[in-house]
Structures are given as structure tokens and as C-alpha cells.
Amino acid sequence: MKVYTRTMWFLAAGLLLLAGLITRAALAEEGVWGPELTSPSFLYRLGPEVQISTTSTPLDAHRHRPAVAHNYKHKEYLVVWHNEWPDNRDIYAQRVSESGQRVGPWFAISSGPNDRVQPAVAYNATNDEYLVVWMQETGTDTNVYEIYGRVIAWNNSYQKAEKRFITYPNRSFYGPRVAWNSIRNEYMVVWNAFDTTISFPPGVPNDIAGARAPGDWSTIYVSNILTQADGPHQVDITYNVAMNEYLIAFVVVHLEAVSGNDIYGLRVNGDTGRSVVPPGLIVIYEDAIAGQRRHQNHPAVATNEQDKYMVVWEHEHAYNDHDIYAREYKADGTPDGSYFTISSWTQDDTVPDVAANGANKEWLAVWQRALPSGSGYSIHGFRWGSAGSSAYTYLFDVINWTFYECKNPAVAADIPGYLIVYEELVPPGSLADSANLTTYQHIYGRMWWPEAVYLPLTLKNH
């Protein structure tokens, strides 16, 4: 008698029996999740930690402020950061596979005598290229920055000429962010402008502006000022192809006696890159408790490219105790429910980032947490679904307190995984440190996969 064997694949954590383990905790206070859940490890898989910025000899550098973009055509990511050498800072990159391994050597995006810092990156699927943008010192004024960018091939087989996006008298420009418009094959870059005639450095927040660059990298079109109200800064941007719109999120500076820093947003027309879509300014979070110092900072925004946006930020509970908040928005700019707390802990939680998996209608946020001893930071994550989604909700450690100092995380999504990157101070005497006999900060990363992991089940028919 013949034996027929077939292999069927099931979602490891898709069993209904697990549903009760992942339900949201009861609210401990209004708008706040209950005690953080210790997530069962079989609901997700965390890849091994990989040193993305490899050590250089005989001279090494500190590596800072990573950013990451996903390339779905070649199933890999591009991670960018700035190197801090003894005499200058410049921009480097490394390709990383969807399994979390380095692909090829790391390479320079821009280098020279003037400092180049805080890069951001977007992938262009039409041209199979990336645009990397960064802040660059003018060379005549220390601590005065302009915004530059460069288009590179997906595998770094070529790099197009660097271009300057903005320069202006008595202004210094900070924190560029970039999104790619797939309908127009166009990049949109936004930044923060600081008035250098007041309290310099860095100056006083003056406005948020932007520029468009076509996919062929031929010309840069500087947009009009997107907002001047109350010293806006700390801007982030995402592009929603279903709406052909951008959503920018940013901080507005109010008088501390009235409110402090708050989080606002604007929808921007995808065809013009400058027309604000009615009704205009979106109040994402405003703390109107008079006389209390409750600043909101470091907003990050993502879209599922369909019907939703998500904004995350840090909320100041106390001077040295911040929490991570979030709020979901429909594509028309109306809120889908109130804000909610992602993490409310006794330690200080700051500088969040967020990514979306539109196929599963899920979101992943990451942030840094001050260690109890005050000796450094760890990295943590939170995964949840859109309103009406069946995605499981849980918190997890990316790098916990047993690792060395880790901070400034960033995240990008493939399907179903995510690459989480961050700075890590290499422990003295470690293998990575042995060639230099000193301690350097490098860029590390880990892949994270939700419960959509397949396990084989063999059934026999006799």
C-alpha cells in the first residue's frame, strides 16, 4: 500500500487558542494601557544582532543617527548614518538583506571638510534608486547648516551629483526628512528652519519648508513655507499613494505657561507639494493644562498607503520621565479615535519611530529607554493593529538592559518583517573593539518578524 505524504503550512500563532493571551490590558488610567505585557516569545521572532557599520582601521569613528528604507524589488534595506571622525562628520551607507545580514561593503554617500550629519533616505521603486538627504555645514559659518541630497543606484553602482536643496541668509536648516511620490515619480524633502539672529546656536525655530525633486534628479523646486505658526520644527513626512497626499507631523512651540510644545499636522497636495489640503492645521495632541510643563516632542509619522496614518511622539510626564503616545488618522485627516499610550514606564522613553505593514493593517513603533542605573539606553518595540484589525498587540524588547548603551532607533518594514536599527556603544575590550583598543559607537540592527512564521506539519494518508 502506498503512503502519500503532504506538507501543510500553518501560521504558528494564528490559532484561536492564543487570542486570549494577546488581548489588550485593562486601562490603568484614562488613555493609557495597563502594565506592560511580557509577550510570549513564540508570537514573534527576533533575529540576531548584526553590526551594520563595520570597524575601520587604523582609525575608527563614532556612528550616529541611523535611518533606513526598504527596497522591495531586491528584498533588502539601505541603512544610512553619519560618521564622527576626529576632524569632521560625513555620510555613509550599508545594504542589508531581509534576513538582517550585510550585503557588500559599506560605502560613502558624501564626505569632505564640512560636517555632514543626520541623514534620511527614501526608496524610488520606479528608478530603482534611493535619495539620501542630510544637513551640511556651510563652511563659512560653524553650526550653520544647509540641506543637501544625492541619488544613488540601489546597489551603489553609480551616484549622481550632490545637490543643495536650500540656502538662505540668517537661517540654518535642520532635520531633513524625505518621501517618494510614486504617482509623479518625485521626491518631497522637508526641513526645519532656524533664525540664526536669535539665540544662535542653533537659533530660534522659524518655519517648516520643503522642496520637490523629480525622479530624474534634474531640478529642485523649493516649495513655499508649509507653516510659520509658533515656531514649528521637528518635522516628519510620509506619502499616501491612495490619496496622492503627504502628511507632515511637527512640533509647535507654545508659551510654557499655556501649553508647551504640542504636536500638529498638515496634509499636503501630492501634485504641487505645497498646497495645504483643507481644513488646514490638524491638532494631533495639545496639552492645555495651564502652568504645567508637558512638552510633546519627536513626532514620527507613517502610512499604510491605503486609508490610515499613524503619528507617534514622546510625551513629557515629568522633566526626566517621558512616555510614548500615538494617534491614528483616517486618510482624510480626521482622527480614528483618541490618542493612546504605547509605553508609560518609570524610566524615560524617548525618540520614537514608526513603520507600517499595510497588508496586515499593523504598525510597529520603536523607541529608546533610559536604563534604571542611568548608565545608558535600551531599545523597545510595540506592535498593534489599526482600528478593526485582528493584529495581535504586544510589547517586546529589541535590546534590553543586558546589552551596552543603545539609542536613536529607526525602523522600516518589508512583509512581514521589519529591520530595526540603532546606535550601540561597543563595549571596551570586545571583539569589535579589539583592533582599536578604545570604545566606539556603531550602527547595529535586528530583524523582527511578527507571528506570521510558518512551521511544517506533516500529515500522512494511508
Protein backbone atom coordinates (compact mmCIF):
# COMPACT_ATOMS: atom_id res chain seq x y z
CA MET A 1 0.00 0.00 0.00
CA LYS A 2 1.36 3.41 -0.94
CA VAL A 3 1.88 6.13 1.62
CA TYR A 4 1.13 9.69 0.47
CA THR A 5 2.79 12.49 2.42
CA ARG A 6 1.92 16.12 2.08
CA THR A 7 3.21 19.16 3.96
CA MET A 8 0.81 21.89 5.02
CA TRP A 9 1.88 25.27 6.39
CA PHE A 10 0.10 27.00 9.22
CA LEU A 11 0.61 30.34 10.95
CA ALA A 12 2.40 29.48 14.18
CA ALA A 13 0.47 31.97 16.26
CA GLY A 14 -2.69 32.07 14.22
CA LEU A 15 -4.50 29.58 16.41
CA LEU A 16 -7.59 30.93 18.06
CA LEU A 17 -6.48 29.37 21.31
CA LEU A 18 -3.84 32.10 21.60
CA ALA A 19 -6.19 35.01 21.16
CA GLY A 20 -6.84 35.40 24.84
CA LEU A 21 -3.12 35.73 25.55
CA ILE A 22 -2.69 38.85 23.48
CA THR A 23 -5.70 40.94 24.31
CA ARG A 24 -5.07 44.49 25.36
CA ALA A 25 -4.61 45.03 29.05
CA ALA A 26 -7.21 46.95 31.04
CA LEU A 27 -6.59 50.66 31.19
CA ALA A 28 -4.65 51.75 34.25
CA GLU A 29 -5.67 55.35 33.72
CA GLU A 30 -7.51 57.27 31.07
CA GLY A 31 -5.87 56.90 27.66
CA VAL A 32 -3.08 54.64 28.99
CA TRP A 33 -2.50 50.91 28.56
CA GLY A 34 -2.22 48.86 31.71
CA PRO A 35 1.02 47.25 32.94
CA GLU A 36 3.30 46.29 30.08
CA LEU A 37 2.80 42.73 28.90
CA THR A 38 5.55 40.16 28.78
CA SER A 39 4.85 38.79 25.32
CA PRO A 40 5.20 35.02 24.77
CA SER A 41 8.30 34.60 22.62
CA PHE A 42 6.57 32.20 20.22
CA LEU A 43 4.40 35.05 18.94
CA TYR A 44 7.33 36.66 17.15
CA ARG A 45 10.92 36.04 16.15
CA LEU A 46 13.80 38.44 16.76
CA GLY A 47 16.85 37.92 14.58
CA PRO A 48 20.42 38.07 15.86
CA GLU A 49 22.03 41.44 16.44
CA VAL A 50 24.25 42.45 13.49
CA GLN A 51 26.89 45.16 13.46
CA ILE A 52 25.92 47.13 10.35
CA SER A 53 28.71 49.74 10.38
CA THR A 54 31.85 47.64 10.37
CA THR A 55 35.00 48.76 12.14
CA SER A 56 37.60 50.61 10.09
CA THR A 57 41.34 50.52 10.77
CA PRO A 58 43.68 52.01 11.72
CA LEU A 59 41.26 54.83 12.57
CA ASP A 60 37.64 54.25 13.53
CA ALA A 61 34.78 56.67 14.14
CA HIS A 62 31.63 57.05 16.17
CA ARG A 63 28.50 56.35 14.10
CA HIS A 64 25.24 58.22 14.77
CA ARG A 65 21.62 58.82 13.75
CA PRO A 66 20.75 55.83 11.54
CA ALA A 67 17.86 55.92 9.06
CA VAL A 68 16.57 53.05 6.94
CA ALA A 69 14.48 52.42 3.82
CA HIS A 70 13.18 49.16 2.34
CA ASN A 71 13.73 48.05 -1.27
CA TYR A 72 11.03 45.51 -2.10
CA LYS A 73 12.36 44.80 -5.62
CA HIS A 74 15.63 43.38 -4.33
CA LYS A 75 14.40 42.32 -0.89
CA GLU A 76 16.85 44.43 1.06
CA TYR A 77 17.23 47.63 3.05
CA LEU A 78 19.56 50.62 2.85
CA VAL A 79 20.82 51.95 6.20
CA VAL A 80 22.43 55.41 6.32
CA TRP A 81 24.14 57.27 9.18
CA HIS A 82 26.84 59.84 9.85
CA ASN A 83 30.40 59.08 10.93
CA GLU A 84 32.02 61.27 13.56
CA TRP A 85 35.73 61.37 12.78
CA PRO A 86 38.20 63.43 14.84
CA ASP A 87 38.05 66.39 12.41
CA ASN A 88 34.75 66.09 10.52
CA ARG A 89 31.49 64.18 10.09
CA ASP A 90 30.22 62.57 6.88
CA ILE A 91 27.51 60.27 5.48
CA TYR A 92 27.84 56.51 4.92
CA ALA A 93 25.56 53.62 3.99
CA GLN A 94 25.24 49.86 4.12
CA ARG A 95 22.91 47.47 2.29
CA VAL A 96 21.20 44.87 4.49
CA SER A 97 19.24 41.80 3.38
CA GLU A 98 15.70 40.96 4.54
CA SER A 99 17.29 38.31 6.75
CA GLY A 100 19.26 41.04 8.54
CA GLN A 101 22.73 40.42 7.06
CA ARG A 102 25.10 42.92 5.48
CA VAL A 103 25.19 42.91 1.67
CA GLY A 104 28.52 44.06 0.25
CA PRO A 105 30.79 46.66 1.88
CA TRP A 106 29.70 49.91 3.50
CA PHE A 107 30.31 52.98 1.35
CA ALA A 108 30.42 56.78 1.44
CA ILE A 109 27.47 58.91 0.31
CA SER A 110 29.09 62.29 0.97
CA SER A 111 32.35 63.30 2.63
CA GLY A 112 34.55 66.37 2.85
CA PRO A 113 35.87 69.06 5.19
CA ASN A 114 32.44 70.45 6.21
CA ASP A 115 30.31 68.46 8.65
CA ARG A 116 27.53 66.34 7.15
CA VAL A 117 25.03 64.92 9.66
CA GLN A 118 21.58 63.44 10.32
CA PRO A 119 20.76 61.70 7.01
CA ALA A 120 17.35 60.47 5.86
CA VAL A 121 16.57 58.11 2.97
CA ALA A 122 13.71 57.11 0.65
CA TYR A 123 13.49 54.36 -1.98
CA ASN A 124 12.29 55.07 -5.54
CA ALA A 125 10.79 51.88 -6.99
CA THR A 126 10.34 53.36 -10.48
CA ASN A 127 14.02 54.17 -10.95
CA ASP A 128 15.32 51.54 -8.51
CA GLU A 129 17.26 54.27 -6.69
CA TYR A 130 17.50 55.94 -3.30
CA LEU A 131 17.56 59.60 -2.40
CA VAL A 132 19.70 60.34 0.66
CA VAL A 133 19.41 63.81 2.23
CA TRP A 134 21.39 65.39 5.06
CA MET A 135 22.43 68.60 6.87
CA GLN A 136 25.73 70.11 5.75
CA GLU A 137 27.73 72.96 7.30
CA THR A 138 28.19 75.96 5.03
CA GLY A 139 31.93 76.10 5.56
CA THR A 140 31.86 79.81 6.34
CA ASP A 141 29.69 79.68 9.47
CA THR A 142 30.18 76.93 12.04
CA ASN A 143 26.87 75.45 13.17
CA VAL A 144 25.01 76.90 10.17
CA TYR A 145 23.61 74.12 8.01
CA GLU A 146 22.09 73.76 4.55
CA ILE A 147 20.20 70.75 3.16
CA TYR A 148 21.87 68.56 0.54
CA GLY A 149 20.96 65.34 -1.22
CA ARG A 150 22.27 62.66 -3.57
CA VAL A 151 20.59 59.96 -5.65
CA ILE A 152 22.32 56.57 -5.73
CA ALA A 153 21.63 53.30 -7.51
CA TRP A 154 20.05 50.53 -5.47
CA ASN A 155 23.38 48.64 -5.43
CA ASN A 156 25.60 51.77 -5.42
CA SER A 157 26.74 51.06 -8.98
CA TYR A 158 26.51 54.81 -9.56
CA GLN A 159 25.96 58.00 -7.57
CA LYS A 160 24.51 61.13 -9.15
CA ALA A 161 25.83 64.59 -8.38
CA GLU A 162 25.10 66.12 -4.98
CA LYS A 163 22.56 68.95 -4.99
CA ARG A 164 21.81 71.66 -2.47
CA PHE A 165 18.13 72.00 -1.58
CA ILE A 166 18.16 75.24 0.38
CA THR A 167 20.32 78.13 1.49
CA TYR A 168 19.07 81.44 2.90
CA PRO A 169 20.55 84.42 4.77
CA ASN A 170 20.30 84.27 8.58
CA ARG A 171 18.88 80.75 8.50
CA SER A 172 20.18 77.34 9.49
CA PHE A 173 18.32 74.22 8.39
CA TYR A 174 17.89 71.07 10.44
CA GLY A 175 16.40 67.60 10.43
CA PRO A 176 15.61 66.85 6.76
CA ARG A 177 13.06 64.13 6.01
CA VAL A 178 12.19 62.65 2.62
CA ALA A 179 9.29 60.76 0.98
CA TRP A 180 8.87 59.42 -2.55
CA ASN A 181 5.72 60.17 -4.58
CA SER A 182 5.11 57.08 -6.73
CA ILE A 183 2.43 58.70 -8.90
CA ARG A 184 4.64 61.59 -10.04
CA ASN A 185 7.97 59.78 -9.56
CA GLU A 186 9.03 62.70 -7.43
CA TYR A 187 10.75 63.22 -4.09
CA MET A 188 9.47 65.58 -1.41
CA VAL A 189 12.00 66.83 1.16
CA VAL A 190 11.03 68.85 4.23
CA TRP A 191 13.15 70.50 6.91
CA ASN A 192 13.15 72.89 9.86
CA ALA A 193 14.48 76.45 9.54
CA PHE A 194 16.09 78.26 12.50
CA ASP A 195 16.61 82.02 12.72
CA THR A 196 20.32 82.47 13.45
CA THR A 197 19.93 86.12 14.53
CA ILE A 198 18.31 84.98 17.79
CA SER A 199 19.85 82.65 20.40
CA PHE A 200 22.38 81.18 18.00
CA PRO A 201 23.36 78.35 18.01
CA PRO A 202 21.10 76.76 16.98
CA GLY A 203 18.77 79.76 16.62
CA VAL A 204 15.01 80.02 17.11
CA PRO A 205 12.57 77.78 15.16
CA ASN A 206 11.18 79.90 12.34
CA ASP A 207 9.32 77.74 9.82
CA ILE A 208 8.99 74.42 8.03
CA ALA A 209 9.56 74.37 4.29
CA GLY A 210 10.18 71.81 1.60
CA ALA A 211 11.33 71.09 -1.93
CA ARG A 212 10.38 68.72 -4.71
CA ALA A 213 12.87 66.92 -6.93
CA PRO A 214 11.82 64.86 -9.98
CA GLY A 215 12.93 61.27 -10.18
CA ASP A 216 15.45 62.10 -12.91
CA TRP A 217 17.24 64.41 -10.42
CA SER A 218 17.30 67.24 -12.94
CA THR A 219 15.91 70.20 -10.97
CA ILE A 220 14.92 71.14 -7.42
CA TYR A 221 11.70 73.09 -6.86
CA VAL A 222 11.62 74.81 -3.49
CA SER A 223 8.09 74.81 -2.07
CA ASN A 224 6.52 77.69 -0.24
CA ILE A 225 6.55 77.67 3.54
CA LEU A 226 4.25 74.96 4.79
CA THR A 227 3.75 76.57 8.20
CA GLN A 228 5.13 79.50 10.15
CA ALA A 229 2.85 79.30 13.18
CA ASP A 230 4.51 79.42 16.60
CA GLY A 231 8.00 78.23 15.72
CA PRO A 232 7.34 74.84 14.09
CA HIS A 233 10.15 72.29 13.98
CA GLN A 234 10.98 68.54 14.33
CA VAL A 235 9.11 67.70 11.12
CA ASP A 236 8.48 64.24 9.64
CA ILE A 237 6.74 63.27 6.38
CA THR A 238 5.04 60.31 4.71
CA TYR A 239 3.33 59.83 1.33
CA ASN A 240 -0.04 58.12 0.85
CA VAL A 241 -0.45 56.90 -2.74
CA ALA A 242 -4.18 56.20 -2.34
CA MET A 243 -4.80 59.89 -1.61
CA ASN A 244 -1.85 61.31 -3.57
CA GLU A 245 -1.10 63.36 -0.47
CA TYR A 246 1.65 63.86 2.06
CA LEU A 247 1.08 64.08 5.77
CA ILE A 248 3.62 66.07 7.73
CA ALA A 249 3.74 65.99 11.52
CA PHE A 250 5.69 68.52 13.56
CA VAL A 251 6.13 70.31 16.88
CA VAL A 252 4.65 73.73 17.54
CA VAL A 253 6.22 75.83 20.30
CA HIS A 254 3.70 77.47 22.63
CA LEU A 255 4.27 79.53 25.73
CA GLU A 256 5.07 77.13 28.52
CA ALA A 257 2.59 78.79 30.88
CA VAL A 258 -0.16 77.94 28.40
CA SER A 259 0.78 74.61 26.95
CA GLY A 260 4.40 73.92 26.00
CA ASN A 261 5.34 72.07 22.81
CA ASP A 262 2.44 70.37 21.02
CA ILE A 263 2.03 68.06 18.01
CA TYR A 264 0.32 69.24 14.83
CA GLY A 265 -0.06 68.02 11.28
CA LEU A 266 -0.82 69.15 7.73
CA ARG A 267 -1.99 67.30 4.64
CA VAL A 268 -0.10 68.48 1.56
CA ASN A 269 -1.21 68.04 -2.05
CA GLY A 270 0.86 65.41 -3.84
CA ASP A 271 0.74 67.17 -7.22
CA THR A 272 2.01 70.55 -6.07
CA GLY A 273 3.94 69.63 -2.93
CA ARG A 274 2.90 72.91 -1.37
CA SER A 275 -0.87 73.32 -1.24
CA VAL A 276 -2.24 72.57 2.19
CA VAL A 277 -5.34 70.40 1.97
CA PRO A 278 -8.39 71.76 3.86
CA PRO A 279 -9.22 72.13 6.66
CA GLY A 280 -5.60 73.03 7.27
CA LEU A 281 -3.82 72.61 10.59
CA ILE A 282 -4.55 69.30 12.35
CA VAL A 283 -4.30 69.32 16.14
CA ILE A 284 -2.83 65.91 16.93
CA TYR A 285 -2.10 66.49 20.61
CA GLU A 286 -2.35 69.70 22.60
CA ASP A 287 -1.75 69.73 26.33
CA ALA A 288 -3.76 72.73 27.50
CA ILE A 289 -3.22 72.36 31.23
CA ALA A 290 -2.17 75.87 32.20
CA GLY A 291 1.06 76.21 34.15
CA GLN A 292 2.21 72.62 33.61
CA ARG A 293 5.36 71.74 31.72
CA ARG A 294 4.14 68.97 29.41
CA HIS A 295 6.12 69.18 26.22
CA GLN A 296 5.46 66.90 23.25
CA ASN A 297 8.47 66.19 21.03
CA HIS A 298 9.98 63.98 18.32
CA PRO A 299 6.92 63.10 16.22
CA ALA A 300 7.21 60.34 13.63
CA VAL A 301 4.58 59.53 11.02
CA ALA A 302 3.81 56.54 8.77
CA THR A 303 1.01 55.45 6.43
CA ASN A 304 -0.34 52.09 5.34
CA GLU A 305 -0.65 53.71 1.87
CA GLN A 306 -4.36 53.00 1.94
CA ASP A 307 -6.73 54.53 4.45
CA LYS A 308 -4.70 55.34 7.57
CA TYR A 309 -1.87 57.37 9.05
CA MET A 310 -0.21 56.85 12.41
CA VAL A 311 1.64 59.52 14.41
CA VAL A 312 3.80 58.67 17.43
CA TRP A 313 5.68 61.06 19.72
CA GLU A 314 7.20 61.47 23.17
CA HIS A 315 5.02 62.97 25.90
CA GLU A 316 6.60 64.67 28.90
CA HIS A 317 5.05 63.22 32.05
CA ALA A 318 7.82 64.83 34.11
CA TYR A 319 11.12 66.51 33.35
CA ASN A 320 13.03 63.19 33.30
CA ASP A 321 10.09 60.86 32.62
CA HIS A 322 8.66 60.73 29.11
CA ASP A 323 6.10 58.33 27.68
CA ILE A 324 5.38 57.27 24.10
CA TYR A 325 1.99 58.33 22.71
CA ALA A 326 0.27 57.61 19.39
CA ARG A 327 -2.80 58.60 17.43
CA GLU A 328 -4.34 57.11 14.30
CA TYR A 329 -5.81 59.20 11.50
CA LYS A 330 -8.01 58.40 8.55
CA ALA A 331 -6.75 59.33 5.10
CA ASP A 332 -8.95 62.45 5.07
CA GLY A 333 -7.14 63.81 8.13
CA THR A 334 -9.85 63.03 10.70
CA PRO A 335 -8.79 61.15 13.84
CA ASP A 336 -9.74 57.49 14.19
CA GLY A 337 -10.21 57.55 17.94
CA SER A 338 -8.34 59.43 20.64
CA TYR A 339 -4.64 59.32 21.37
CA PHE A 340 -3.37 56.35 23.36
CA THR A 341 -0.24 55.49 25.30
CA ILE A 342 2.18 52.98 23.84
CA SER A 343 4.55 52.97 26.80
CA SER A 344 4.22 54.51 30.24
CA TRP A 345 7.07 53.33 32.42
CA THR A 346 9.08 54.61 35.35
CA GLN A 347 12.08 55.10 33.09
CA ASP A 348 12.43 57.78 30.43
CA ASP A 349 11.05 56.70 27.00
CA THR A 350 12.04 58.99 24.11
CA VAL A 351 12.73 59.44 20.34
CA PRO A 352 10.20 57.03 18.80
CA ASP A 353 9.96 55.91 15.18
CA VAL A 354 7.11 54.06 13.45
CA ALA A 355 6.57 51.87 10.38
CA ALA A 356 3.50 50.33 8.75
CA ASN A 357 2.68 46.97 7.23
CA GLY A 358 -0.33 47.85 5.10
CA ALA A 359 -1.01 44.26 4.09
CA ASN A 360 -1.70 43.30 7.71
CA LYS A 361 -3.00 46.75 8.75
CA GLU A 362 -0.44 46.78 11.52
CA TRP A 363 2.04 49.27 12.96
CA LEU A 364 5.39 48.88 14.70
CA ALA A 365 6.87 51.59 16.93
CA VAL A 366 10.37 51.58 18.44
CA TRP A 367 12.00 53.92 20.96
CA GLN A 368 14.86 54.24 23.43
CA ARG A 369 14.52 53.84 27.21
CA ALA A 370 16.88 55.21 29.84
CA LEU A 371 18.29 52.39 31.96
CA PRO A 372 17.43 52.46 35.68
CA SER A 373 21.05 52.97 36.65
CA GLY A 374 21.36 55.98 34.37
CA SER A 375 24.21 54.25 32.53
CA GLY A 376 22.68 54.21 29.06
CA TYR A 377 19.65 53.23 26.98
CA SER A 378 17.85 50.13 25.77
CA ILE A 379 15.57 49.75 22.72
CA HIS A 380 11.95 48.58 22.88
CA GLY A 381 9.10 47.96 20.46
CA PHE A 382 5.32 47.83 20.30
CA ARG A 383 3.23 46.14 17.62
CA TRP A 384 -0.50 46.77 17.17
CA GLY A 385 -3.22 46.89 14.53
CA SER A 386 -5.40 49.60 13.05
CA ALA A 387 -8.92 50.05 14.35
CA GLY A 388 -10.79 46.92 13.35
CA SER A 389 -7.62 44.95 12.62
CA SER A 390 -7.09 41.46 14.02
CA ALA A 391 -3.34 42.02 14.50
CA TYR A 392 -2.11 40.97 17.92
CA THR A 393 -0.97 43.73 20.28
CA TYR A 394 2.15 43.36 22.38
CA LEU A 395 5.35 44.98 23.59
CA PHE A 396 8.80 43.43 23.25
CA ASP A 397 12.46 44.15 23.93
CA VAL A 398 14.67 44.84 20.92
CA ILE A 399 17.79 45.31 23.03
CA ASN A 400 17.27 45.10 26.77
CA TRP A 401 19.36 46.26 29.70
CA THR A 402 21.84 43.36 29.40
CA PHE A 403 23.29 44.96 26.25
CA TYR A 404 25.53 48.02 26.17
CA GLU A 405 24.26 51.56 25.58
CA CYS A 406 21.81 51.65 22.64
CA LYS A 407 19.81 54.63 21.36
CA ASN A 408 18.25 56.56 18.43
CA PRO A 409 16.34 53.67 16.82
CA ALA A 410 14.77 53.71 13.36
CA VAL A 411 12.58 51.12 11.65
CA ALA A 412 11.38 50.15 8.16
CA ALA A 413 9.02 47.38 7.06
CA ASP A 414 9.00 44.66 4.47
CA ILE A 415 6.28 41.99 4.52
CA PRO A 416 6.06 40.58 7.09
CA GLY A 417 9.31 41.63 8.76
CA TYR A 418 10.92 44.83 10.00
CA LEU A 419 14.52 45.98 10.26
CA ILE A 420 15.20 47.92 13.47
CA VAL A 421 18.48 49.87 13.52
CA TYR A 422 20.10 51.86 16.32
CA GLU A 423 23.35 53.19 17.73
CA GLU A 424 25.26 50.99 20.14
CA LEU A 425 28.37 51.85 22.10
CA VAL A 426 30.81 48.98 21.60
CA PRO A 427 31.86 47.59 24.99
CA PRO A 428 35.53 48.13 25.87
CA GLY A 429 37.61 45.03 25.17
CA SER A 430 35.01 43.42 22.90
CA LEU A 431 35.93 41.70 19.64
CA ALA A 432 34.69 44.70 17.64
CA ASP A 433 36.81 46.97 19.80
CA SER A 434 39.97 44.86 19.89
CA ALA A 435 41.57 46.39 16.79
CA ASN A 436 41.31 49.91 18.17
CA LEU A 437 41.69 49.47 21.92
CA THR A 438 39.08 52.14 22.51
CA THR A 439 35.31 52.39 22.62
CA TYR A 440 33.37 53.44 19.52
CA GLN A 441 29.70 53.82 18.83
CA HIS A 442 28.48 51.79 15.85
CA ILE A 443 25.24 51.11 13.99
CA TYR A 444 23.60 47.80 14.81
CA GLY A 445 20.38 46.18 13.69
CA ARG A 446 17.98 43.30 14.25
CA MET A 447 15.22 41.84 12.12
CA TRP A 448 11.86 41.35 13.82
CA TRP A 449 9.05 39.18 12.48
CA PRO A 450 5.50 39.01 13.90
CA GLU A 451 3.58 35.79 14.37
CA ALA A 452 3.33 35.12 10.62
CA VAL A 453 6.05 32.48 10.84
CA TYR A 454 5.38 29.17 9.16
CA LEU A 455 6.02 25.76 10.68
CA PRO A 456 5.75 22.45 8.79
CA LEU A 457 3.06 19.95 9.73
CA THR A 458 3.27 16.56 8.08
CA LEU A 459 0.07 14.61 7.53
CA LYS A 460 0.09 11.05 6.21
CA ASN A 461 -2.67 9.44 4.20
CA HIS A 462 -2.56 5.66 4.22
